[in-house]
Protein backbone atom coordinates (compact mmCIF):
# COMPACT_ATOMS: atom_id res chain seq x y z
CA MET A 1 4.54 7.91 19.42
CA LEU A 2 0.97 6.80 18.91
CA ASP A 3 -1.41 6.01 21.72
CA LYS A 4 -3.79 3.08 21.41
CA HIS A 5 -6.82 5.22 20.45
CA THR A 6 -4.90 7.02 17.70
CA TRP A 7 -3.50 3.73 16.36
CA TYR A 8 -6.98 2.19 16.28
CA ILE A 9 -8.53 5.13 14.40
CA LEU A 10 -5.62 5.38 11.94
CA LYS A 11 -5.89 1.62 11.35
CA HIS A 12 -9.54 1.98 10.34
CA LEU A 13 -8.87 5.09 8.25
CA HIS A 14 -6.09 3.19 6.47
CA HIS A 15 -8.40 0.24 5.85
CA ASN A 16 -11.15 2.44 4.36
CA VAL A 17 -8.86 4.47 2.10
CA ALA A 18 -6.68 1.53 0.96
CA THR A 19 -9.71 -0.70 0.27
CA GLN A 20 -11.37 2.04 -1.78
CA GLN A 21 -8.25 2.69 -3.88
CA ALA A 22 -7.47 -1.02 -4.31
CA ALA A 23 -11.00 -1.54 -5.68
CA ARG A 24 -10.33 1.26 -8.22
CA ILE A 25 -7.07 -0.41 -9.27
CA ASP A 26 -8.74 -3.84 -9.51
CA ALA A 27 -11.52 -2.30 -11.66
CA GLY A 28 -8.94 -0.90 -14.09
CA LYS A 29 -9.55 2.72 -13.10
CA ARG A 30 -6.85 5.34 -12.96
CA LEU A 31 -5.68 6.20 -9.47
CA THR A 32 -5.54 9.86 -8.56
CA PRO A 33 -3.53 10.91 -5.51
CA GLN A 34 -5.53 11.71 -2.38
CA ALA A 35 -4.49 13.60 0.73
CA PHE A 36 -6.22 14.00 4.08
CA LEU A 37 -5.77 16.12 7.17
CA VAL A 38 -6.45 14.36 10.47
CA SER A 39 -6.94 15.93 13.92
CA GLN A 40 -5.67 14.75 17.26
CA PRO A 41 -8.06 12.18 18.77
CA GLN A 42 -10.72 13.55 21.10
CA ASP A 43 -12.47 11.55 23.77
CA GLN A 44 -16.23 11.93 23.51
CA GLN A 45 -18.13 9.97 26.15
CA GLY A 46 -15.53 7.21 26.30
CA GLN A 47 -15.20 6.99 22.49
CA ALA A 48 -12.16 8.35 20.67
CA SER A 49 -12.83 10.21 17.44
CA MET A 50 -10.80 12.24 14.97
CA ASN A 51 -11.74 14.90 12.45
CA VAL A 52 -10.75 14.05 8.88
CA ALA A 53 -10.82 16.44 5.93
CA GLU A 54 -9.88 15.51 2.37
CA ILE A 55 -7.73 17.99 0.48
CA GLY A 56 -9.40 18.91 -2.80
CA ALA A 57 -8.46 16.78 -5.80
CA ASP A 58 -8.20 19.89 -8.00
CA PHE A 59 -5.76 21.49 -5.55
CA ILE A 60 -3.59 18.35 -5.51
CA ALA A 61 -3.73 18.06 -9.32
CA GLY A 62 -2.71 21.72 -9.63
CA LEU A 63 0.31 21.18 -7.39
CA LEU A 64 1.36 17.99 -9.17
CA ALA A 65 1.05 19.65 -12.59
CA GLN A 66 3.77 22.14 -11.67
CA ALA A 67 7.50 21.57 -11.98
CA GLU A 68 8.58 19.84 -8.76
CA GLY A 69 4.92 19.08 -7.98
CA GLU A 70 5.73 16.15 -5.68
CA ARG A 71 7.99 18.42 -3.61
CA LEU A 72 5.30 21.13 -3.45
CA LEU A 73 2.70 18.64 -2.22
CA ALA A 74 5.13 17.28 0.39
CA LYS A 75 5.88 20.85 1.56
CA TYR A 76 2.17 21.67 1.83
CA LEU A 77 1.55 18.55 3.92
CA ALA A 78 4.58 19.32 6.14
CA ASP A 79 3.40 22.92 6.59
CA ALA A 80 -0.04 21.61 7.59
CA LEU A 81 1.64 20.05 10.65
CA HIS A 82 4.02 22.93 11.39
CA GLU A 83 2.93 24.78 14.53
CA GLY A 84 1.81 28.32 13.69
CA SER A 85 2.33 28.10 9.93
CA LEU A 86 0.00 30.00 7.61
CA ILE A 87 -1.14 26.69 6.11
CA GLN A 88 -2.01 25.31 9.56
CA GLN A 89 -3.93 28.50 10.40
CA GLN A 90 -5.81 28.33 7.08
CA ILE A 91 -6.74 24.68 7.71
CA ALA A 92 -8.01 25.52 11.21
CA GLN A 93 -10.13 28.32 9.75
CA GLU A 94 -11.56 26.21 6.90
CA HIS A 95 -12.05 22.91 8.73
CA GLY A 96 -12.32 23.88 12.40
CA PHE A 97 -9.37 21.81 13.64
CA GLU A 98 -5.59 21.72 13.63
CA ALA A 99 -4.08 18.88 11.63
CA SER A 100 -1.97 16.53 13.76
CA TYR A 101 -1.52 13.98 10.98
CA THR A 102 -1.56 13.93 7.21
CA LEU A 103 -2.38 10.96 5.04
CA LEU A 104 -1.20 10.71 1.43
CA VAL A 105 -2.42 7.96 -0.89
CA GLN A 106 -0.88 7.49 -4.33
CA GLU A 107 0.58 4.96 -6.70
CA THR A 108 4.36 4.71 -6.65
CA LEU A 109 7.15 2.49 -7.94
CA LEU A 110 9.22 0.43 -5.52
CA PRO A 111 12.80 -0.45 -6.45
CA ALA A 112 13.25 -3.89 -7.96
CA GLU A 113 14.65 -6.66 -5.79
CA VAL A 114 17.35 -7.37 -8.38
CA PRO A 115 19.06 -4.78 -10.62
CA GLU A 116 17.86 -6.31 -13.89
CA ALA A 117 14.18 -6.33 -12.92
CA ALA A 118 11.73 -3.48 -13.45
CA PRO A 119 10.48 -1.39 -10.53
CA ARG A 120 7.28 -2.72 -8.95
CA PRO A 121 4.11 -0.63 -8.79
CA ALA A 122 2.53 -0.21 -5.36
CA LEU A 123 -0.25 1.68 -3.65
CA MET A 124 1.39 3.83 -0.98
CA VAL A 125 -0.49 5.02 2.09
CA LEU A 126 1.75 7.46 3.96
CA PHE A 127 0.86 8.72 7.45
CA ASN A 128 2.86 11.65 8.83
CA GLY A 129 2.63 13.23 12.24
CA LYS A 130 4.83 15.19 14.59
CA SER A 131 6.23 12.02 16.13
CA VAL A 132 5.54 9.34 13.52
CA THR A 133 6.11 8.63 9.84
CA LEU A 134 4.51 5.45 8.59
CA PRO A 135 4.55 4.36 4.93
CA ILE A 136 2.49 1.29 4.07
CA PHE A 137 2.98 -0.25 0.62
CA HIS A 138 0.46 -2.52 -1.09
CA LEU A 139 1.93 -4.30 -4.12
CA ILE A 140 0.11 -4.03 -7.46
CA GLU A 141 0.37 -7.10 -9.68
CA THR A 142 -0.10 -6.98 -13.45
CA LEU A 143 -1.96 -10.11 -14.53
CA PRO A 144 -1.37 -11.95 -17.85
CA ASP A 145 -4.48 -10.34 -19.38
CA GLY A 146 -3.06 -6.86 -18.60
CA SER A 147 -5.44 -6.15 -15.73
CA ARG A 148 -4.04 -5.18 -12.35
CA ARG A 149 -4.72 -6.42 -8.83
CA CYS A 150 -3.76 -4.66 -5.63
CA HIS A 151 -2.73 -6.90 -2.73
CA LEU A 152 -3.67 -5.20 0.52
CA ARG A 153 -1.59 -5.83 3.60
CA ALA A 154 -2.70 -5.39 7.17
CA PHE A 155 -2.05 -2.21 9.11
CA PRO A 156 0.98 -2.73 11.39
CA GLU A 157 0.40 -3.53 15.04
CA LEU A 158 1.11 -0.73 17.52
CA GLN A 159 4.20 -2.48 18.91
CA GLU A 160 5.68 -2.81 15.40
CA ILE A 161 5.14 0.89 14.70
CA GLU A 162 6.75 1.87 18.02
CA ALA A 163 9.78 -0.35 17.37
CA VAL A 164 10.32 1.08 13.88
CA GLN A 165 9.92 4.67 15.11
CA ARG A 166 12.51 4.09 17.87
CA MET A 167 14.89 2.60 15.31
CA LEU A 168 14.41 5.57 12.94
CA GLN A 169 14.91 8.11 15.73
CA ALA A 170 18.13 6.38 16.84
CA ARG A 171 19.38 6.35 13.26
CA MET A 172 18.59 10.06 12.77
CA GLN A 173 20.41 10.91 16.02
CA GLN A 174 23.38 8.81 14.95
CA ASN A 175 23.51 10.53 11.55
CA ALA A 176 23.21 13.96 13.22
CA THR A 177 26.26 13.28 15.39
CA LEU A 178 28.28 12.16 12.36
CA HIS A 179 27.91 15.52 10.59
């Protein structure tokens, strides 16, 4: 689970990244996927801090241009967190830290609420860590003039994240015993 320092830093990272991408959407600009590697928090003189490194846009574009590009990007991000993997070692060499979390930001389509309706576009901010997976969706509205507006939602409170993670873990354990 997340400790209070980690939650606080991830909350501010989420706010910065989501606000920046929402402004691009609101300005009519094309959204390109972004991915970040985030270290474990370190206490420096009573202040928690984390290292953050953005994965190159060209690297991400190259992965997504391939067949099964989404799967390749997801595998790269999972390998970045896998203890002892070549990807994790390469990241530590290039950036000077081991990634404890990944952050993926991209536009996606959410299923419609009713079968006859079209899927709804959303800005997805997805945090992954060894003990937490947290997707946050910000709906994108298409206005009558064809422009788009992204509606940002607040980062979940720590208690909400913990409750959801416990529920997901219980569900995964239940499914594992059924197979």
